[in-house]
Amino acid sequence: VGALKAVNRIRSFAYLAAKGLNPPY
């Protein structure tokens, strides 16, 4: 679960570079 949380955090911040996609939480 700790690894899931870490990759999800990195993944969520990557949305800041993606145009046209609704951001996650």
PDBML (XML) file of the C-alpha atoms, coordinates in Angstrom:
<?xml version="1.0" encoding="UTF-8" ?>
<PDBx:datablock datablockName="MODEL"
   xmlns:PDBx="http://pdbml.pdb.org/schema/pdbx-v50.xsd"
   xmlns:xsi="http://www.w3.org/2001/XMLSchema-instance"
   xsi:schemaLocation="http://pdbml.pdb.org/schema/pdbx-v50.xsd pdbx-v50.xsd">
   <PDBx:atom_siteCategory>
      <PDBx:atom_site id="1">
         <PDBx:B_iso_or_equiv>0.00</PDBx:B_iso_or_equiv>
         <PDBx:Cartn_x>0.000</PDBx:Cartn_x>
         <PDBx:Cartn_y>0.000</PDBx:Cartn_y>
         <PDBx:Cartn_z>0.000</PDBx:Cartn_z>
         <PDBx:auth_asym_id>A</PDBx:auth_asym_id>
         <PDBx:auth_atom_id>CA</PDBx:auth_atom_id>
         <PDBx:auth_comp_id>VAL</PDBx:auth_comp_id>
         <PDBx:auth_seq_id>1</PDBx:auth_seq_id>
         <PDBx:group_PDB>ATOM</PDBx:group_PDB>
         <PDBx:label_alt_id xsi:nil="true" />
         <PDBx:label_asym_id>A</PDBx:label_asym_id>
         <PDBx:label_atom_id>CA</PDBx:label_atom_id>
         <PDBx:label_comp_id>VAL</PDBx:label_comp_id>
         <PDBx:label_entity_id>1</PDBx:label_entity_id>
         <PDBx:label_seq_id>1</PDBx:label_seq_id>
         <PDBx:occupancy>1.00</PDBx:occupancy>
         <PDBx:pdbx_PDB_model_num>1</PDBx:pdbx_PDB_model_num>
         <PDBx:type_symbol>C</PDBx:type_symbol>
      </PDBx:atom_site>
      <PDBx:atom_site id="2">
         <PDBx:B_iso_or_equiv>0.00</PDBx:B_iso_or_equiv>
         <PDBx:Cartn_x>2.889</PDBx:Cartn_x>
         <PDBx:Cartn_y>2.374</PDBx:Cartn_y>
         <PDBx:Cartn_z>0.717</PDBx:Cartn_z>
         <PDBx:auth_asym_id>A</PDBx:auth_asym_id>
         <PDBx:auth_atom_id>CA</PDBx:auth_atom_id>
         <PDBx:auth_comp_id>GLY</PDBx:auth_comp_id>
         <PDBx:auth_seq_id>2</PDBx:auth_seq_id>
         <PDBx:group_PDB>ATOM</PDBx:group_PDB>
         <PDBx:label_alt_id xsi:nil="true" />
         <PDBx:label_asym_id>A</PDBx:label_asym_id>
         <PDBx:label_atom_id>CA</PDBx:label_atom_id>
         <PDBx:label_comp_id>GLY</PDBx:label_comp_id>
         <PDBx:label_entity_id>1</PDBx:label_entity_id>
         <PDBx:label_seq_id>2</PDBx:label_seq_id>
         <PDBx:occupancy>1.00</PDBx:occupancy>
         <PDBx:pdbx_PDB_model_num>1</PDBx:pdbx_PDB_model_num>
         <PDBx:type_symbol>C</PDBx:type_symbol>
      </PDBx:atom_site>
      <PDBx:atom_site id="3">
         <PDBx:B_iso_or_equiv>0.00</PDBx:B_iso_or_equiv>
         <PDBx:Cartn_x>4.221</PDBx:Cartn_x>
         <PDBx:Cartn_y>1.841</PDBx:Cartn_y>
         <PDBx:Cartn_z>-2.803</PDBx:Cartn_z>
         <PDBx:auth_asym_id>A</PDBx:auth_asym_id>
         <PDBx:auth_atom_id>CA</PDBx:auth_atom_id>
         <PDBx:auth_comp_id>ALA</PDBx:auth_comp_id>
         <PDBx:auth_seq_id>3</PDBx:auth_seq_id>
         <PDBx:group_PDB>ATOM</PDBx:group_PDB>
         <PDBx:label_alt_id xsi:nil="true" />
         <PDBx:label_asym_id>A</PDBx:label_asym_id>
         <PDBx:label_atom_id>CA</PDBx:label_atom_id>
         <PDBx:label_comp_id>ALA</PDBx:label_comp_id>
         <PDBx:label_entity_id>1</PDBx:label_entity_id>
         <PDBx:label_seq_id>3</PDBx:label_seq_id>
         <PDBx:occupancy>1.00</PDBx:occupancy>
         <PDBx:pdbx_PDB_model_num>1</PDBx:pdbx_PDB_model_num>
         <PDBx:type_symbol>C</PDBx:type_symbol>
      </PDBx:atom_site>
      <PDBx:atom_site id="4">
         <PDBx:B_iso_or_equiv>0.00</PDBx:B_iso_or_equiv>
         <PDBx:Cartn_x>0.740</PDBx:Cartn_x>
         <PDBx:Cartn_y>2.418</PDBx:Cartn_y>
         <PDBx:Cartn_z>-4.241</PDBx:Cartn_z>
         <PDBx:auth_asym_id>A</PDBx:auth_asym_id>
         <PDBx:auth_atom_id>CA</PDBx:auth_atom_id>
         <PDBx:auth_comp_id>LEU</PDBx:auth_comp_id>
         <PDBx:auth_seq_id>4</PDBx:auth_seq_id>
         <PDBx:group_PDB>ATOM</PDBx:group_PDB>
         <PDBx:label_alt_id xsi:nil="true" />
         <PDBx:label_asym_id>A</PDBx:label_asym_id>
         <PDBx:label_atom_id>CA</PDBx:label_atom_id>
         <PDBx:label_comp_id>LEU</PDBx:label_comp_id>
         <PDBx:label_entity_id>1</PDBx:label_entity_id>
         <PDBx:label_seq_id>4</PDBx:label_seq_id>
         <PDBx:occupancy>1.00</PDBx:occupancy>
         <PDBx:pdbx_PDB_model_num>1</PDBx:pdbx_PDB_model_num>
         <PDBx:type_symbol>C</PDBx:type_symbol>
      </PDBx:atom_site>
      <PDBx:atom_site id="5">
         <PDBx:B_iso_or_equiv>0.00</PDBx:B_iso_or_equiv>
         <PDBx:Cartn_x>0.456</PDBx:Cartn_x>
         <PDBx:Cartn_y>5.699</PDBx:Cartn_y>
         <PDBx:Cartn_z>-2.364</PDBx:Cartn_z>
         <PDBx:auth_asym_id>A</PDBx:auth_asym_id>
         <PDBx:auth_atom_id>CA</PDBx:auth_atom_id>
         <PDBx:auth_comp_id>LYS</PDBx:auth_comp_id>
         <PDBx:auth_seq_id>5</PDBx:auth_seq_id>
         <PDBx:group_PDB>ATOM</PDBx:group_PDB>
         <PDBx:label_alt_id xsi:nil="true" />
         <PDBx:label_asym_id>A</PDBx:label_asym_id>
         <PDBx:label_atom_id>CA</PDBx:label_atom_id>
         <PDBx:label_comp_id>LYS</PDBx:label_comp_id>
         <PDBx:label_entity_id>1</PDBx:label_entity_id>
         <PDBx:label_seq_id>5</PDBx:label_seq_id>
         <PDBx:occupancy>1.00</PDBx:occupancy>
         <PDBx:pdbx_PDB_model_num>1</PDBx:pdbx_PDB_model_num>
         <PDBx:type_symbol>C</PDBx:type_symbol>
      </PDBx:atom_site>
      <PDBx:atom_site id="6">
         <PDBx:B_iso_or_equiv>0.00</PDBx:B_iso_or_equiv>
         <PDBx:Cartn_x>3.873</PDBx:Cartn_x>
         <PDBx:Cartn_y>6.811</PDBx:Cartn_y>
         <PDBx:Cartn_z>-3.610</PDBx:Cartn_z>
         <PDBx:auth_asym_id>A</PDBx:auth_asym_id>
         <PDBx:auth_atom_id>CA</PDBx:auth_atom_id>
         <PDBx:auth_comp_id>ALA</PDBx:auth_comp_id>
         <PDBx:auth_seq_id>6</PDBx:auth_seq_id>
         <PDBx:group_PDB>ATOM</PDBx:group_PDB>
         <PDBx:label_alt_id xsi:nil="true" />
         <PDBx:label_asym_id>A</PDBx:label_asym_id>
         <PDBx:label_atom_id>CA</PDBx:label_atom_id>
         <PDBx:label_comp_id>ALA</PDBx:label_comp_id>
         <PDBx:label_entity_id>1</PDBx:label_entity_id>
         <PDBx:label_seq_id>6</PDBx:label_seq_id>
         <PDBx:occupancy>1.00</PDBx:occupancy>
         <PDBx:pdbx_PDB_model_num>1</PDBx:pdbx_PDB_model_num>
         <PDBx:type_symbol>C</PDBx:type_symbol>
      </PDBx:atom_site>
      <PDBx:atom_site id="7">
         <PDBx:B_iso_or_equiv>0.00</PDBx:B_iso_or_equiv>
         <PDBx:Cartn_x>3.243</PDBx:Cartn_x>
         <PDBx:Cartn_y>6.058</PDBx:Cartn_y>
         <PDBx:Cartn_z>-7.277</PDBx:Cartn_z>
         <PDBx:auth_asym_id>A</PDBx:auth_asym_id>
         <PDBx:auth_atom_id>CA</PDBx:auth_atom_id>
         <PDBx:auth_comp_id>VAL</PDBx:auth_comp_id>
         <PDBx:auth_seq_id>7</PDBx:auth_seq_id>
         <PDBx:group_PDB>ATOM</PDBx:group_PDB>
         <PDBx:label_alt_id xsi:nil="true" />
         <PDBx:label_asym_id>A</PDBx:label_asym_id>
         <PDBx:label_atom_id>CA</PDBx:label_atom_id>
         <PDBx:label_comp_id>VAL</PDBx:label_comp_id>
         <PDBx:label_entity_id>1</PDBx:label_entity_id>
         <PDBx:label_seq_id>7</PDBx:label_seq_id>
         <PDBx:occupancy>1.00</PDBx:occupancy>
         <PDBx:pdbx_PDB_model_num>1</PDBx:pdbx_PDB_model_num>
         <PDBx:type_symbol>C</PDBx:type_symbol>
      </PDBx:atom_site>
      <PDBx:atom_site id="8">
         <PDBx:B_iso_or_equiv>0.00</PDBx:B_iso_or_equiv>
         <PDBx:Cartn_x>-0.259</PDBx:Cartn_x>
         <PDBx:Cartn_y>7.542</PDBx:Cartn_y>
         <PDBx:Cartn_z>-7.051</PDBx:Cartn_z>
         <PDBx:auth_asym_id>A</PDBx:auth_asym_id>
         <PDBx:auth_atom_id>CA</PDBx:auth_atom_id>
         <PDBx:auth_comp_id>ASN</PDBx:auth_comp_id>
         <PDBx:auth_seq_id>8</PDBx:auth_seq_id>
         <PDBx:group_PDB>ATOM</PDBx:group_PDB>
         <PDBx:label_alt_id xsi:nil="true" />
         <PDBx:label_asym_id>A</PDBx:label_asym_id>
         <PDBx:label_atom_id>CA</PDBx:label_atom_id>
         <PDBx:label_comp_id>ASN</PDBx:label_comp_id>
         <PDBx:label_entity_id>1</PDBx:label_entity_id>
         <PDBx:label_seq_id>8</PDBx:label_seq_id>
         <PDBx:occupancy>1.00</PDBx:occupancy>
         <PDBx:pdbx_PDB_model_num>1</PDBx:pdbx_PDB_model_num>
         <PDBx:type_symbol>C</PDBx:type_symbol>
      </PDBx:atom_site>
      <PDBx:atom_site id="9">
         <PDBx:B_iso_or_equiv>0.00</PDBx:B_iso_or_equiv>
         <PDBx:Cartn_x>1.215</PDBx:Cartn_x>
         <PDBx:Cartn_y>10.743</PDBx:Cartn_y>
         <PDBx:Cartn_z>-5.669</PDBx:Cartn_z>
         <PDBx:auth_asym_id>A</PDBx:auth_asym_id>
         <PDBx:auth_atom_id>CA</PDBx:auth_atom_id>
         <PDBx:auth_comp_id>ARG</PDBx:auth_comp_id>
         <PDBx:auth_seq_id>9</PDBx:auth_seq_id>
         <PDBx:group_PDB>ATOM</PDBx:group_PDB>
         <PDBx:label_alt_id xsi:nil="true" />
         <PDBx:label_asym_id>A</PDBx:label_asym_id>
         <PDBx:label_atom_id>CA</PDBx:label_atom_id>
         <PDBx:label_comp_id>ARG</PDBx:label_comp_id>
         <PDBx:label_entity_id>1</PDBx:label_entity_id>
         <PDBx:label_seq_id>9</PDBx:label_seq_id>
         <PDBx:occupancy>1.00</PDBx:occupancy>
         <PDBx:pdbx_PDB_model_num>1</PDBx:pdbx_PDB_model_num>
         <PDBx:type_symbol>C</PDBx:type_symbol>
      </PDBx:atom_site>
      <PDBx:atom_site id="10">
         <PDBx:B_iso_or_equiv>0.00</PDBx:B_iso_or_equiv>
         <PDBx:Cartn_x>3.749</PDBx:Cartn_x>
         <PDBx:Cartn_y>11.008</PDBx:Cartn_y>
         <PDBx:Cartn_z>-8.495</PDBx:Cartn_z>
         <PDBx:auth_asym_id>A</PDBx:auth_asym_id>
         <PDBx:auth_atom_id>CA</PDBx:auth_atom_id>
         <PDBx:auth_comp_id>ILE</PDBx:auth_comp_id>
         <PDBx:auth_seq_id>10</PDBx:auth_seq_id>
         <PDBx:group_PDB>ATOM</PDBx:group_PDB>
         <PDBx:label_alt_id xsi:nil="true" />
         <PDBx:label_asym_id>A</PDBx:label_asym_id>
         <PDBx:label_atom_id>CA</PDBx:label_atom_id>
         <PDBx:label_comp_id>ILE</PDBx:label_comp_id>
         <PDBx:label_entity_id>1</PDBx:label_entity_id>
         <PDBx:label_seq_id>10</PDBx:label_seq_id>
         <PDBx:occupancy>1.00</PDBx:occupancy>
         <PDBx:pdbx_PDB_model_num>1</PDBx:pdbx_PDB_model_num>
         <PDBx:type_symbol>C</PDBx:type_symbol>
      </PDBx:atom_site>
      <PDBx:atom_site id="11">
         <PDBx:B_iso_or_equiv>0.00</PDBx:B_iso_or_equiv>
         <PDBx:Cartn_x>1.009</PDBx:Cartn_x>
         <PDBx:Cartn_y>10.146</PDBx:Cartn_y>
         <PDBx:Cartn_z>-10.984</PDBx:Cartn_z>
         <PDBx:auth_asym_id>A</PDBx:auth_asym_id>
         <PDBx:auth_atom_id>CA</PDBx:auth_atom_id>
         <PDBx:auth_comp_id>ARG</PDBx:auth_comp_id>
         <PDBx:auth_seq_id>11</PDBx:auth_seq_id>
         <PDBx:group_PDB>ATOM</PDBx:group_PDB>
         <PDBx:label_alt_id xsi:nil="true" />
         <PDBx:label_asym_id>A</PDBx:label_asym_id>
         <PDBx:label_atom_id>CA</PDBx:label_atom_id>
         <PDBx:label_comp_id>ARG</PDBx:label_comp_id>
         <PDBx:label_entity_id>1</PDBx:label_entity_id>
         <PDBx:label_seq_id>11</PDBx:label_seq_id>
         <PDBx:occupancy>1.00</PDBx:occupancy>
         <PDBx:pdbx_PDB_model_num>1</PDBx:pdbx_PDB_model_num>
         <PDBx:type_symbol>C</PDBx:type_symbol>
      </PDBx:atom_site>
      <PDBx:atom_site id="12">
         <PDBx:B_iso_or_equiv>0.00</PDBx:B_iso_or_equiv>
         <PDBx:Cartn_x>-1.377</PDBx:Cartn_x>
         <PDBx:Cartn_y>12.791</PDBx:Cartn_y>
         <PDBx:Cartn_z>-9.645</PDBx:Cartn_z>
         <PDBx:auth_asym_id>A</PDBx:auth_asym_id>
         <PDBx:auth_atom_id>CA</PDBx:auth_atom_id>
         <PDBx:auth_comp_id>SER</PDBx:auth_comp_id>
         <PDBx:auth_seq_id>12</PDBx:auth_seq_id>
         <PDBx:group_PDB>ATOM</PDBx:group_PDB>
         <PDBx:label_alt_id xsi:nil="true" />
         <PDBx:label_asym_id>A</PDBx:label_asym_id>
         <PDBx:label_atom_id>CA</PDBx:label_atom_id>
         <PDBx:label_comp_id>SER</PDBx:label_comp_id>
         <PDBx:label_entity_id>1</PDBx:label_entity_id>
         <PDBx:label_seq_id>12</PDBx:label_seq_id>
         <PDBx:occupancy>1.00</PDBx:occupancy>
         <PDBx:pdbx_PDB_model_num>1</PDBx:pdbx_PDB_model_num>
         <PDBx:type_symbol>C</PDBx:type_symbol>
      </PDBx:atom_site>
      <PDBx:atom_site id="13">
         <PDBx:B_iso_or_equiv>0.00</PDBx:B_iso_or_equiv>
         <PDBx:Cartn_x>1.239</PDBx:Cartn_x>
         <PDBx:Cartn_y>15.528</PDBx:Cartn_y>
         <PDBx:Cartn_z>-9.926</PDBx:Cartn_z>
         <PDBx:auth_asym_id>A</PDBx:auth_asym_id>
         <PDBx:auth_atom_id>CA</PDBx:auth_atom_id>
         <PDBx:auth_comp_id>PHE</PDBx:auth_comp_id>
         <PDBx:auth_seq_id>13</PDBx:auth_seq_id>
         <PDBx:group_PDB>ATOM</PDBx:group_PDB>
         <PDBx:label_alt_id xsi:nil="true" />
         <PDBx:label_asym_id>A</PDBx:label_asym_id>
         <PDBx:label_atom_id>CA</PDBx:label_atom_id>
         <PDBx:label_comp_id>PHE</PDBx:label_comp_id>
         <PDBx:label_entity_id>1</PDBx:label_entity_id>
         <PDBx:label_seq_id>13</PDBx:label_seq_id>
         <PDBx:occupancy>1.00</PDBx:occupancy>
         <PDBx:pdbx_PDB_model_num>1</PDBx:pdbx_PDB_model_num>
         <PDBx:type_symbol>C</PDBx:type_symbol>
      </PDBx:atom_site>
      <PDBx:atom_site id="14">
         <PDBx:B_iso_or_equiv>0.00</PDBx:B_iso_or_equiv>
         <PDBx:Cartn_x>1.938</PDBx:Cartn_x>
         <PDBx:Cartn_y>14.456</PDBx:Cartn_y>
         <PDBx:Cartn_z>-13.531</PDBx:Cartn_z>
         <PDBx:auth_asym_id>A</PDBx:auth_asym_id>
         <PDBx:auth_atom_id>CA</PDBx:auth_atom_id>
         <PDBx:auth_comp_id>ALA</PDBx:auth_comp_id>
         <PDBx:auth_seq_id>14</PDBx:auth_seq_id>
         <PDBx:group_PDB>ATOM</PDBx:group_PDB>
         <PDBx:label_alt_id xsi:nil="true" />
         <PDBx:label_asym_id>A</PDBx:label_asym_id>
         <PDBx:label_atom_id>CA</PDBx:label_atom_id>
         <PDBx:label_comp_id>ALA</PDBx:label_comp_id>
         <PDBx:label_entity_id>1</PDBx:label_entity_id>
         <PDBx:label_seq_id>14</PDBx:label_seq_id>
         <PDBx:occupancy>1.00</PDBx:occupancy>
         <PDBx:pdbx_PDB_model_num>1</PDBx:pdbx_PDB_model_num>
         <PDBx:type_symbol>C</PDBx:type_symbol>
      </PDBx:atom_site>
      <PDBx:atom_site id="15">
         <PDBx:B_iso_or_equiv>0.00</PDBx:B_iso_or_equiv>
         <PDBx:Cartn_x>-1.611</PDBx:Cartn_x>
         <PDBx:Cartn_y>15.559</PDBx:Cartn_y>
         <PDBx:Cartn_z>-14.354</PDBx:Cartn_z>
         <PDBx:auth_asym_id>A</PDBx:auth_asym_id>
         <PDBx:auth_atom_id>CA</PDBx:auth_atom_id>
         <PDBx:auth_comp_id>TYR</PDBx:auth_comp_id>
         <PDBx:auth_seq_id>15</PDBx:auth_seq_id>
         <PDBx:group_PDB>ATOM</PDBx:group_PDB>
         <PDBx:label_alt_id xsi:nil="true" />
         <PDBx:label_asym_id>A</PDBx:label_asym_id>
         <PDBx:label_atom_id>CA</PDBx:label_atom_id>
         <PDBx:label_comp_id>TYR</PDBx:label_comp_id>
         <PDBx:label_entity_id>1</PDBx:label_entity_id>
         <PDBx:label_seq_id>15</PDBx:label_seq_id>
         <PDBx:occupancy>1.00</PDBx:occupancy>
         <PDBx:pdbx_PDB_model_num>1</PDBx:pdbx_PDB_model_num>
         <PDBx:type_symbol>C</PDBx:type_symbol>
      </PDBx:atom_site>
      <PDBx:atom_site id="16">
         <PDBx:B_iso_or_equiv>0.00</PDBx:B_iso_or_equiv>
         <PDBx:Cartn_x>-0.376</PDBx:Cartn_x>
         <PDBx:Cartn_y>19.127</PDBx:Cartn_y>
         <PDBx:Cartn_z>-13.926</PDBx:Cartn_z>
         <PDBx:auth_asym_id>A</PDBx:auth_asym_id>
         <PDBx:auth_atom_id>CA</PDBx:auth_atom_id>
         <PDBx:auth_comp_id>LEU</PDBx:auth_comp_id>
         <PDBx:auth_seq_id>16</PDBx:auth_seq_id>
         <PDBx:group_PDB>ATOM</PDBx:group_PDB>
         <PDBx:label_alt_id xsi:nil="true" />
         <PDBx:label_asym_id>A</PDBx:label_asym_id>
         <PDBx:label_atom_id>CA</PDBx:label_atom_id>
         <PDBx:label_comp_id>LEU</PDBx:label_comp_id>
         <PDBx:label_entity_id>1</PDBx:label_entity_id>
         <PDBx:label_seq_id>16</PDBx:label_seq_id>
         <PDBx:occupancy>1.00</PDBx:occupancy>
         <PDBx:pdbx_PDB_model_num>1</PDBx:pdbx_PDB_model_num>
         <PDBx:type_symbol>C</PDBx:type_symbol>
      </PDBx:atom_site>
      <PDBx:atom_site id="17">
         <PDBx:B_iso_or_equiv>0.00</PDBx:B_iso_or_equiv>
         <PDBx:Cartn_x>1.518</PDBx:Cartn_x>
         <PDBx:Cartn_y>18.634</PDBx:Cartn_y>
         <PDBx:Cartn_z>-17.201</PDBx:Cartn_z>
         <PDBx:auth_asym_id>A</PDBx:auth_asym_id>
         <PDBx:auth_atom_id>CA</PDBx:auth_atom_id>
         <PDBx:auth_comp_id>ALA</PDBx:auth_comp_id>
         <PDBx:auth_seq_id>17</PDBx:auth_seq_id>
         <PDBx:group_PDB>ATOM</PDBx:group_PDB>
         <PDBx:label_alt_id xsi:nil="true" />
         <PDBx:label_asym_id>A</PDBx:label_asym_id>
         <PDBx:label_atom_id>CA</PDBx:label_atom_id>
         <PDBx:label_comp_id>ALA</PDBx:label_comp_id>
         <PDBx:label_entity_id>1</PDBx:label_entity_id>
         <PDBx:label_seq_id>17</PDBx:label_seq_id>
         <PDBx:occupancy>1.00</PDBx:occupancy>
         <PDBx:pdbx_PDB_model_num>1</PDBx:pdbx_PDB_model_num>
         <PDBx:type_symbol>C</PDBx:type_symbol>
      </PDBx:atom_site>
      <PDBx:atom_site id="18">
         <PDBx:B_iso_or_equiv>0.00</PDBx:B_iso_or_equiv>
         <PDBx:Cartn_x>-1.416</PDBx:Cartn_x>
         <PDBx:Cartn_y>17.065</PDBx:Cartn_y>
         <PDBx:Cartn_z>-19.060</PDBx:Cartn_z>
         <PDBx:auth_asym_id>A</PDBx:auth_asym_id>
         <PDBx:auth_atom_id>CA</PDBx:auth_atom_id>
         <PDBx:auth_comp_id>ALA</PDBx:auth_comp_id>
         <PDBx:auth_seq_id>18</PDBx:auth_seq_id>
         <PDBx:group_PDB>ATOM</PDBx:group_PDB>
         <PDBx:label_alt_id xsi:nil="true" />
         <PDBx:label_asym_id>A</PDBx:label_asym_id>
         <PDBx:label_atom_id>CA</PDBx:label_atom_id>
         <PDBx:label_comp_id>ALA</PDBx:label_comp_id>
         <PDBx:label_entity_id>1</PDBx:label_entity_id>
         <PDBx:label_seq_id>18</PDBx:label_seq_id>
         <PDBx:occupancy>1.00</PDBx:occupancy>
         <PDBx:pdbx_PDB_model_num>1</PDBx:pdbx_PDB_model_num>
         <PDBx:type_symbol>C</PDBx:type_symbol>
      </PDBx:atom_site>
      <PDBx:atom_site id="19">
         <PDBx:B_iso_or_equiv>0.00</PDBx:B_iso_or_equiv>
         <PDBx:Cartn_x>-3.797</PDBx:Cartn_x>
         <PDBx:Cartn_y>19.364</PDBx:Cartn_y>
         <PDBx:Cartn_z>-20.898</PDBx:Cartn_z>
         <PDBx:auth_asym_id>A</PDBx:auth_asym_id>
         <PDBx:auth_atom_id>CA</PDBx:auth_atom_id>
         <PDBx:auth_comp_id>LYS</PDBx:auth_comp_id>
         <PDBx:auth_seq_id>19</PDBx:auth_seq_id>
         <PDBx:group_PDB>ATOM</PDBx:group_PDB>
         <PDBx:label_alt_id xsi:nil="true" />
         <PDBx:label_asym_id>A</PDBx:label_asym_id>
         <PDBx:label_atom_id>CA</PDBx:label_atom_id>
         <PDBx:label_comp_id>LYS</PDBx:label_comp_id>
         <PDBx:label_entity_id>1</PDBx:label_entity_id>
         <PDBx:label_seq_id>19</PDBx:label_seq_id>
         <PDBx:occupancy>1.00</PDBx:occupancy>
         <PDBx:pdbx_PDB_model_num>1</PDBx:pdbx_PDB_model_num>
         <PDBx:type_symbol>C</PDBx:type_symbol>
      </PDBx:atom_site>
      <PDBx:atom_site id="20">
         <PDBx:B_iso_or_equiv>0.00</PDBx:B_iso_or_equiv>
         <PDBx:Cartn_x>-7.461</PDBx:Cartn_x>
         <PDBx:Cartn_y>18.540</PDBx:Cartn_y>
         <PDBx:Cartn_z>-21.283</PDBx:Cartn_z>
         <PDBx:auth_asym_id>A</PDBx:auth_asym_id>
         <PDBx:auth_atom_id>CA</PDBx:auth_atom_id>
         <PDBx:auth_comp_id>GLY</PDBx:auth_comp_id>
         <PDBx:auth_seq_id>20</PDBx:auth_seq_id>
         <PDBx:group_PDB>ATOM</PDBx:group_PDB>
         <PDBx:label_alt_id xsi:nil="true" />
         <PDBx:label_asym_id>A</PDBx:label_asym_id>
         <PDBx:label_atom_id>CA</PDBx:label_atom_id>
         <PDBx:label_comp_id>GLY</PDBx:label_comp_id>
         <PDBx:label_entity_id>1</PDBx:label_entity_id>
         <PDBx:label_seq_id>20</PDBx:label_seq_id>
         <PDBx:occupancy>1.00</PDBx:occupancy>
         <PDBx:pdbx_PDB_model_num>1</PDBx:pdbx_PDB_model_num>
         <PDBx:type_symbol>C</PDBx:type_symbol>
      </PDBx:atom_site>
      <PDBx:atom_site id="21">
         <PDBx:B_iso_or_equiv>0.00</PDBx:B_iso_or_equiv>
         <PDBx:Cartn_x>-7.643</PDBx:Cartn_x>
         <PDBx:Cartn_y>15.933</PDBx:Cartn_y>
         <PDBx:Cartn_z>-18.508</PDBx:Cartn_z>
         <PDBx:auth_asym_id>A</PDBx:auth_asym_id>
         <PDBx:auth_atom_id>CA</PDBx:auth_atom_id>
         <PDBx:auth_comp_id>LEU</PDBx:auth_comp_id>
         <PDBx:auth_seq_id>21</PDBx:auth_seq_id>
         <PDBx:group_PDB>ATOM</PDBx:group_PDB>
         <PDBx:label_alt_id xsi:nil="true" />
         <PDBx:label_asym_id>A</PDBx:label_asym_id>
         <PDBx:label_atom_id>CA</PDBx:label_atom_id>
         <PDBx:label_comp_id>LEU</PDBx:label_comp_id>
         <PDBx:label_entity_id>1</PDBx:label_entity_id>
         <PDBx:label_seq_id>21</PDBx:label_seq_id>
         <PDBx:occupancy>1.00</PDBx:occupancy>
         <PDBx:pdbx_PDB_model_num>1</PDBx:pdbx_PDB_model_num>
         <PDBx:type_symbol>C</PDBx:type_symbol>
      </PDBx:atom_site>
      <PDBx:atom_site id="22">
         <PDBx:B_iso_or_equiv>0.00</PDBx:B_iso_or_equiv>
         <PDBx:Cartn_x>-9.695</PDBx:Cartn_x>
         <PDBx:Cartn_y>16.339</PDBx:Cartn_y>
         <PDBx:Cartn_z>-15.361</PDBx:Cartn_z>
         <PDBx:auth_asym_id>A</PDBx:auth_asym_id>
         <PDBx:auth_atom_id>CA</PDBx:auth_atom_id>
         <PDBx:auth_comp_id>ASN</PDBx:auth_comp_id>
         <PDBx:auth_seq_id>22</PDBx:auth_seq_id>
         <PDBx:group_PDB>ATOM</PDBx:group_PDB>
         <PDBx:label_alt_id xsi:nil="true" />
         <PDBx:label_asym_id>A</PDBx:label_asym_id>
         <PDBx:label_atom_id>CA</PDBx:label_atom_id>
         <PDBx:label_comp_id>ASN</PDBx:label_comp_id>
         <PDBx:label_entity_id>1</PDBx:label_entity_id>
         <PDBx:label_seq_id>22</PDBx:label_seq_id>
         <PDBx:occupancy>1.00</PDBx:occupancy>
         <PDBx:pdbx_PDB_model_num>1</PDBx:pdbx_PDB_model_num>
         <PDBx:type_symbol>C</PDBx:type_symbol>
      </PDBx:atom_site>
      <PDBx:atom_site id="23">
         <PDBx:B_iso_or_equiv>0.00</PDBx:B_iso_or_equiv>
         <PDBx:Cartn_x>-7.312</PDBx:Cartn_x>
         <PDBx:Cartn_y>16.336</PDBx:Cartn_y>
         <PDBx:Cartn_z>-12.395</PDBx:Cartn_z>
         <PDBx:auth_asym_id>A</PDBx:auth_asym_id>
         <PDBx:auth_atom_id>CA</PDBx:auth_atom_id>
         <PDBx:auth_comp_id>PRO</PDBx:auth_comp_id>
         <PDBx:auth_seq_id>23</PDBx:auth_seq_id>
         <PDBx:group_PDB>ATOM</PDBx:group_PDB>
         <PDBx:label_alt_id xsi:nil="true" />
         <PDBx:label_asym_id>A</PDBx:label_asym_id>
         <PDBx:label_atom_id>CA</PDBx:label_atom_id>
         <PDBx:label_comp_id>PRO</PDBx:label_comp_id>
         <PDBx:label_entity_id>1</PDBx:label_entity_id>
         <PDBx:label_seq_id>23</PDBx:label_seq_id>
         <PDBx:occupancy>1.00</PDBx:occupancy>
         <PDBx:pdbx_PDB_model_num>1</PDBx:pdbx_PDB_model_num>
         <PDBx:type_symbol>C</PDBx:type_symbol>
      </PDBx:atom_site>
      <PDBx:atom_site id="24">
         <PDBx:B_iso_or_equiv>0.00</PDBx:B_iso_or_equiv>
         <PDBx:Cartn_x>-7.441</PDBx:Cartn_x>
         <PDBx:Cartn_y>13.654</PDBx:Cartn_y>
         <PDBx:Cartn_z>-9.716</PDBx:Cartn_z>
         <PDBx:auth_asym_id>A</PDBx:auth_asym_id>
         <PDBx:auth_atom_id>CA</PDBx:auth_atom_id>
         <PDBx:auth_comp_id>PRO</PDBx:auth_comp_id>
         <PDBx:auth_seq_id>24</PDBx:auth_seq_id>
         <PDBx:group_PDB>ATOM</PDBx:group_PDB>
         <PDBx:label_alt_id xsi:nil="true" />
         <PDBx:label_asym_id>A</PDBx:label_asym_id>
         <PDBx:label_atom_id>CA</PDBx:label_atom_id>
         <PDBx:label_comp_id>PRO</PDBx:label_comp_id>
         <PDBx:label_entity_id>1</PDBx:label_entity_id>
         <PDBx:label_seq_id>24</PDBx:label_seq_id>
         <PDBx:occupancy>1.00</PDBx:occupancy>
         <PDBx:pdbx_PDB_model_num>1</PDBx:pdbx_PDB_model_num>
         <PDBx:type_symbol>C</PDBx:type_symbol>
      </PDBx:atom_site>
      <PDBx:atom_site id="25">
         <PDBx:B_iso_or_equiv>0.00</PDBx:B_iso_or_equiv>
         <PDBx:Cartn_x>-7.453</PDBx:Cartn_x>
         <PDBx:Cartn_y>14.444</PDBx:Cartn_y>
         <PDBx:Cartn_z>-6.015</PDBx:Cartn_z>
         <PDBx:auth_asym_id>A</PDBx:auth_asym_id>
         <PDBx:auth_atom_id>CA</PDBx:auth_atom_id>
         <PDBx:auth_comp_id>TYR</PDBx:auth_comp_id>
         <PDBx:auth_seq_id>25</PDBx:auth_seq_id>
         <PDBx:group_PDB>ATOM</PDBx:group_PDB>
         <PDBx:label_alt_id xsi:nil="true" />
         <PDBx:label_asym_id>A</PDBx:label_asym_id>
         <PDBx:label_atom_id>CA</PDBx:label_atom_id>
         <PDBx:label_comp_id>TYR</PDBx:label_comp_id>
         <PDBx:label_entity_id>1</PDBx:label_entity_id>
         <PDBx:label_seq_id>25</PDBx:label_seq_id>
         <PDBx:occupancy>1.00</PDBx:occupancy>
         <PDBx:pdbx_PDB_model_num>1</PDBx:pdbx_PDB_model_num>
         <PDBx:type_symbol>C</PDBx:type_symbol>
      </PDBx:atom_site>
   </PDBx:atom_siteCategory>
</PDBx:datablock>
